[in-house]
Amino acid sequence: MDTTGKRITELRKKVGLSQDDLAEKANVSRQTVYRWESDNRTPDGENIKSLCKILGTDAEYILHGSAALTAAKKGRGVLWLIAAIAISVAAVFLIIFAVAVCCIYFQPASGIEDVTISEFHNWQGTVILAVLIVAAVTAAATSVYLAIRYIKRKKSGM
């Protein structure tokens, strides 16, 4: 069974530190590091913070191991994917709504035959259309960002 002490020992060796080096960097005695590694003591909150910085990991891994860390990160990855899908759907509806508003406001006034697309009937239509287009583009960009982030996390195994 993987223990906190074994994980600290493994990480310490991985970064090439002796117990004395780790003790000096963490501002504790070598005996304290020995007690952590032999599971006679568990580091307190401040020492965990120091260990995370020195060993290049997070508290979750030191205290609970990779299984707990992996499960937590996988759960977050699924939430990112759901958020990306939801924002994509919102972007599609915003684009459809923008097109509908565009069709309504770009109708020529009765009796005027040669109205170009640039001649709006009122300025409110222009503002509404601009806001809808900006919202749709923002939602689409956000969903692409979230999808890419999810894919990168999945590839890195987080």
C-alpha atoms as a PDB file:
ATOM      1  CA  MET A   1       0.000   0.000   0.000  1.00  0.00           C
ATOM      2  CA  ASP A   2       1.270   3.443  -0.961  1.00  0.00           C
ATOM      3  CA  THR A   3       1.589   5.731   2.060  1.00  0.00           C
ATOM      4  CA  THR A   4       2.236   9.438   2.524  1.00  0.00           C
ATOM      5  CA  GLY A   5       5.772   8.657   3.661  1.00  0.00           C
ATOM      6  CA  LYS A   6       6.495   6.503   0.622  1.00  0.00           C
ATOM      7  CA  ARG A   7       5.195   9.218  -1.694  1.00  0.00           C
ATOM      8  CA  ILE A   8       7.387  11.849   0.001  1.00  0.00           C
ATOM      9  CA  THR A   9      10.424   9.539  -0.294  1.00  0.00           C
ATOM     10  CA  GLU A  10       9.660   8.805  -3.950  1.00  0.00           C
ATOM     11  CA  LEU A  11       9.221  12.496  -4.827  1.00  0.00           C
ATOM     12  CA  ARG A  12      12.331  13.519  -2.859  1.00  0.00           C
ATOM     13  CA  LYS A  13      14.453  10.986  -4.727  1.00  0.00           C
ATOM     14  CA  LYS A  14      12.878  11.951  -8.043  1.00  0.00           C
ATOM     15  CA  VAL A  15      14.042  15.571  -7.623  1.00  0.00           C
ATOM     16  CA  GLY A  16      17.450  14.382  -6.422  1.00  0.00           C
ATOM     17  CA  LEU A  17      17.367  15.563  -2.822  1.00  0.00           C
ATOM     18  CA  SER A  18      18.724  13.874   0.271  1.00  0.00           C
ATOM     19  CA  GLN A  19      16.785  13.946   3.524  1.00  0.00           C
ATOM     20  CA  ASP A  20      19.176  16.663   4.747  1.00  0.00           C
ATOM     21  CA  ASP A  21      18.567  18.750   1.598  1.00  0.00           C
ATOM     22  CA  LEU A  22      14.805  18.424   1.908  1.00  0.00           C
ATOM     23  CA  ALA A  23      14.952  19.271   5.607  1.00  0.00           C
ATOM     24  CA  GLU A  24      16.979  22.417   4.889  1.00  0.00           C
ATOM     25  CA  LYS A  25      14.663  23.577   2.096  1.00  0.00           C
ATOM     26  CA  ALA A  26      11.545  22.881   4.188  1.00  0.00           C
ATOM     27  CA  ASN A  27      13.037  24.513   7.322  1.00  0.00           C
ATOM     28  CA  VAL A  28      12.637  21.384   9.441  1.00  0.00           C
ATOM     29  CA  SER A  29      15.074  18.933  10.991  1.00  0.00           C
ATOM     30  CA  ARG A  30      16.343  15.834   9.209  1.00  0.00           C
ATOM     31  CA  GLN A  31      14.632  13.772  11.913  1.00  0.00           C
ATOM     32  CA  THR A  32      11.301  15.362  10.963  1.00  0.00           C
ATOM     33  CA  VAL A  33      11.797  14.346   7.323  1.00  0.00           C
ATOM     34  CA  TYR A  34      12.741  10.847   8.513  1.00  0.00           C
ATOM     35  CA  ARG A  35       9.534  10.663  10.608  1.00  0.00           C
ATOM     36  CA  TRP A  36       7.419  11.765   7.615  1.00  0.00           C
ATOM     37  CA  GLU A  37       9.035   9.194   5.337  1.00  0.00           C
ATOM     38  CA  SER A  38       8.706   6.398   7.892  1.00  0.00           C
ATOM     39  CA  ASP A  39       5.027   7.341   8.456  1.00  0.00           C
ATOM     40  CA  ASN A  40       5.583   8.127  12.130  1.00  0.00           C
ATOM     41  CA  ARG A  41       4.262  11.647  11.518  1.00  0.00           C
ATOM     42  CA  THR A  42       2.242  13.426   8.882  1.00  0.00           C
ATOM     43  CA  PRO A  43       3.351  16.894   7.759  1.00  0.00           C
ATOM     44  CA  ASP A  44       1.130  19.757   8.938  1.00  0.00           C
ATOM     45  CA  GLY A  45      -0.471  22.287   6.584  1.00  0.00           C
ATOM     46  CA  GLU A  46       2.502  24.656   6.323  1.00  0.00           C
ATOM     47  CA  ASN A  47       4.912  21.783   5.780  1.00  0.00           C
ATOM     48  CA  ILE A  48       2.637  20.315   3.103  1.00  0.00           C
ATOM     49  CA  LYS A  49       2.747  23.678   1.286  1.00  0.00           C
ATOM     50  CA  SER A  50       6.547  23.685   1.472  1.00  0.00           C
ATOM     51  CA  LEU A  51       6.763  20.085   0.274  1.00  0.00           C
ATOM     52  CA  CYS A  52       4.474  20.837  -2.674  1.00  0.00           C
ATOM     53  CA  LYS A  53       6.739  23.671  -3.831  1.00  0.00           C
ATOM     54  CA  ILE A  54       9.970  21.780  -3.240  1.00  0.00           C
ATOM     55  CA  LEU A  55       8.810  18.465  -4.729  1.00  0.00           C
ATOM     56  CA  GLY A  56       6.756  19.918  -7.590  1.00  0.00           C
ATOM     57  CA  THR A  57       3.430  18.323  -6.746  1.00  0.00           C
ATOM     58  CA  ASP A  58       0.195  19.118  -4.940  1.00  0.00           C
ATOM     59  CA  ALA A  59      -1.142  18.295  -1.498  1.00  0.00           C
ATOM     60  CA  GLU A  60      -3.723  15.866  -2.858  1.00  0.00           C
ATOM     61  CA  TYR A  61      -0.988  13.637  -4.271  1.00  0.00           C
ATOM     62  CA  ILE A  62       1.220  13.795  -1.176  1.00  0.00           C
ATOM     63  CA  LEU A  63      -1.616  12.959   1.205  1.00  0.00           C
ATOM     64  CA  HIS A  64      -3.805  10.614  -0.861  1.00  0.00           C
ATOM     65  CA  GLY A  65      -1.855   9.407  -3.890  1.00  0.00           C
ATOM     66  CA  SER A  66      -2.433   9.420  -7.600  1.00  0.00           C
ATOM     67  CA  ALA A  67      -5.670   7.417  -7.571  1.00  0.00           C
ATOM     68  CA  ALA A  68      -7.544  10.123  -5.666  1.00  0.00           C
ATOM     69  CA  LEU A  69      -5.896  12.830  -7.750  1.00  0.00           C
ATOM     70  CA  THR A  70      -6.758  11.143 -11.031  1.00  0.00           C
ATOM     71  CA  ALA A  71     -10.392  10.575 -10.033  1.00  0.00           C
ATOM     72  CA  ALA A  72     -10.857  14.196  -9.024  1.00  0.00           C
ATOM     73  CA  LYS A  73      -9.301  15.524 -12.221  1.00  0.00           C
ATOM     74  CA  LYS A  74     -11.322  13.166 -14.429  1.00  0.00           C
ATOM     75  CA  GLY A  75     -14.506  14.454 -12.826  1.00  0.00           C
ATOM     76  CA  ARG A  76     -13.484  18.027 -13.600  1.00  0.00           C
ATOM     77  CA  GLY A  77     -12.686  17.057 -17.195  1.00  0.00           C
ATOM     78  CA  VAL A  78     -16.228  15.795 -17.737  1.00  0.00           C
ATOM     79  CA  LEU A  79     -17.587  19.067 -16.347  1.00  0.00           C
ATOM     80  CA  TRP A  80     -15.416  21.005 -18.804  1.00  0.00           C
ATOM     81  CA  LEU A  81     -16.798  18.924 -21.673  1.00  0.00           C
ATOM     82  CA  ILE A  82     -20.404  19.471 -20.550  1.00  0.00           C
ATOM     83  CA  ALA A  83     -19.742  23.216 -20.270  1.00  0.00           C
ATOM     84  CA  ALA A  84     -18.249  23.280 -23.772  1.00  0.00           C
ATOM     85  CA  ILE A  85     -21.279  21.480 -25.217  1.00  0.00           C
ATOM     86  CA  ALA A  86     -23.745  23.743 -23.389  1.00  0.00           C
ATOM     87  CA  ILE A  87     -21.983  26.892 -24.569  1.00  0.00           C
ATOM     88  CA  SER A  88     -21.825  25.522 -28.126  1.00  0.00           C
ATOM     89  CA  VAL A  89     -25.575  24.948 -28.106  1.00  0.00           C
ATOM     90  CA  ALA A  90     -26.099  28.483 -26.776  1.00  0.00           C
ATOM     91  CA  ALA A  91     -23.866  29.851 -29.542  1.00  0.00           C
ATOM     92  CA  VAL A  92     -25.902  28.059 -32.208  1.00  0.00           C
ATOM     93  CA  PHE A  93     -29.172  29.442 -30.813  1.00  0.00           C
ATOM     94  CA  LEU A  94     -27.704  32.947 -30.628  1.00  0.00           C
ATOM     95  CA  ILE A  95     -26.594  32.749 -34.247  1.00  0.00           C
ATOM     96  CA  ILE A  96     -30.046  31.523 -35.336  1.00  0.00           C
ATOM     97  CA  PHE A  97     -31.676  34.323 -33.335  1.00  0.00           C
ATOM     98  CA  ALA A  98     -29.294  36.898 -34.862  1.00  0.00           C
ATOM     99  CA  VAL A  99     -30.230  35.717 -38.350  1.00  0.00           C
ATOM    100  CA  ALA A 100     -33.935  35.955 -37.469  1.00  0.00           C
ATOM    101  CA  VAL A 101     -33.499  39.489 -36.124  1.00  0.00           C
ATOM    102  CA  CYS A 102     -31.526  40.368 -39.214  1.00  0.00           C
ATOM    103  CA  CYS A 103     -34.359  39.131 -41.444  1.00  0.00           C
ATOM    104  CA  ILE A 104     -36.918  41.167 -39.503  1.00  0.00           C
ATOM    105  CA  TYR A 105     -34.964  44.427 -39.442  1.00  0.00           C
ATOM    106  CA  PHE A 106     -33.658  44.233 -43.002  1.00  0.00           C
ATOM    107  CA  GLN A 107     -37.166  44.164 -44.506  1.00  0.00           C
ATOM    108  CA  PRO A 108     -37.677  47.167 -46.785  1.00  0.00           C
ATOM    109  CA  ALA A 109     -40.294  49.679 -45.751  1.00  0.00           C
ATOM    110  CA  SER A 110     -43.559  49.445 -47.649  1.00  0.00           C
ATOM    111  CA  GLY A 111     -43.450  51.328 -50.921  1.00  0.00           C
ATOM    112  CA  ILE A 112     -39.639  51.405 -51.097  1.00  0.00           C
ATOM    113  CA  GLU A 113     -38.297  49.009 -53.663  1.00  0.00           C
ATOM    114  CA  ASP A 114     -34.552  49.725 -53.760  1.00  0.00           C
ATOM    115  CA  VAL A 115     -33.450  49.359 -50.152  1.00  0.00           C
ATOM    116  CA  THR A 116     -29.942  48.008 -49.654  1.00  0.00           C
ATOM    117  CA  ILE A 117     -28.946  45.748 -46.817  1.00  0.00           C
ATOM    118  CA  SER A 118     -27.063  48.606 -45.149  1.00  0.00           C
ATOM    119  CA  GLU A 119     -30.209  50.698 -44.704  1.00  0.00           C
ATOM    120  CA  PHE A 120     -31.696  49.751 -41.355  1.00  0.00           C
ATOM    121  CA  HIS A 121     -35.098  51.034 -40.344  1.00  0.00           C
ATOM    122  CA  ASN A 122     -33.891  52.083 -36.905  1.00  0.00           C
ATOM    123  CA  TRP A 123     -30.730  52.138 -34.812  1.00  0.00           C
ATOM    124  CA  GLN A 124     -32.131  49.725 -32.196  1.00  0.00           C
ATOM    125  CA  GLY A 125     -32.047  46.909 -34.705  1.00  0.00           C
ATOM    126  CA  THR A 126     -28.390  47.567 -35.377  1.00  0.00           C
ATOM    127  CA  VAL A 127     -27.552  47.521 -31.685  1.00  0.00           C
ATOM    128  CA  ILE A 128     -29.524  44.324 -31.067  1.00  0.00           C
ATOM    129  CA  LEU A 129     -27.889  42.612 -34.015  1.00  0.00           C
ATOM    130  CA  ALA A 130     -24.394  43.710 -32.955  1.00  0.00           C
ATOM    131  CA  VAL A 131     -24.937  42.463 -29.392  1.00  0.00           C
ATOM    132  CA  LEU A 132     -26.253  39.115 -30.629  1.00  0.00           C
ATOM    133  CA  ILE A 133     -23.338  38.642 -33.004  1.00  0.00           C
ATOM    134  CA  VAL A 134     -20.782  39.507 -30.306  1.00  0.00           C
ATOM    135  CA  ALA A 135     -22.511  37.145 -27.855  1.00  0.00           C
ATOM    136  CA  ALA A 136     -22.596  34.335 -30.415  1.00  0.00           C
ATOM    137  CA  VAL A 137     -18.943  34.745 -31.347  1.00  0.00           C
ATOM    138  CA  THR A 138     -17.942  34.910 -27.671  1.00  0.00           C
ATOM    139  CA  ALA A 139     -19.935  31.780 -26.856  1.00  0.00           C
ATOM    140  CA  ALA A 140     -18.461  29.940 -29.831  1.00  0.00           C
ATOM    141  CA  ALA A 141     -14.906  30.942 -28.903  1.00  0.00           C
ATOM    142  CA  THR A 142     -15.461  29.916 -25.284  1.00  0.00           C
ATOM    143  CA  SER A 143     -16.801  26.521 -26.288  1.00  0.00           C
ATOM    144  CA  VAL A 144     -13.819  25.941 -28.579  1.00  0.00           C
ATOM    145  CA  TYR A 145     -11.454  26.934 -25.746  1.00  0.00           C
ATOM    146  CA  LEU A 146     -13.180  24.568 -23.295  1.00  0.00           C
ATOM    147  CA  ALA A 147     -13.165  21.709 -25.799  1.00  0.00           C
ATOM    148  CA  ILE A 148      -9.448  22.189 -26.502  1.00  0.00           C
ATOM    149  CA  ARG A 149      -8.715  22.353 -22.776  1.00  0.00           C
ATOM    150  CA  TYR A 150     -10.665  19.113 -22.230  1.00  0.00           C
ATOM    151  CA  ILE A 151      -8.777  17.371 -25.042  1.00  0.00           C
ATOM    152  CA  LYS A 152      -5.396  18.531 -23.701  1.00  0.00           C
ATOM    153  CA  ARG A 153      -6.287  17.350 -20.178  1.00  0.00           C
ATOM    154  CA  LYS A 154      -7.432  13.998 -21.534  1.00  0.00           C
ATOM    155  CA  LYS A 155      -4.220  13.540 -23.542  1.00  0.00           C
ATOM    156  CA  SER A 156      -2.038  14.419 -20.556  1.00  0.00           C
ATOM    157  CA  GLY A 157      -3.920  11.897 -18.413  1.00  0.00           C
ATOM    158  CA  MET A 158      -5.206  14.443 -15.935  1.00  0.00           C
END
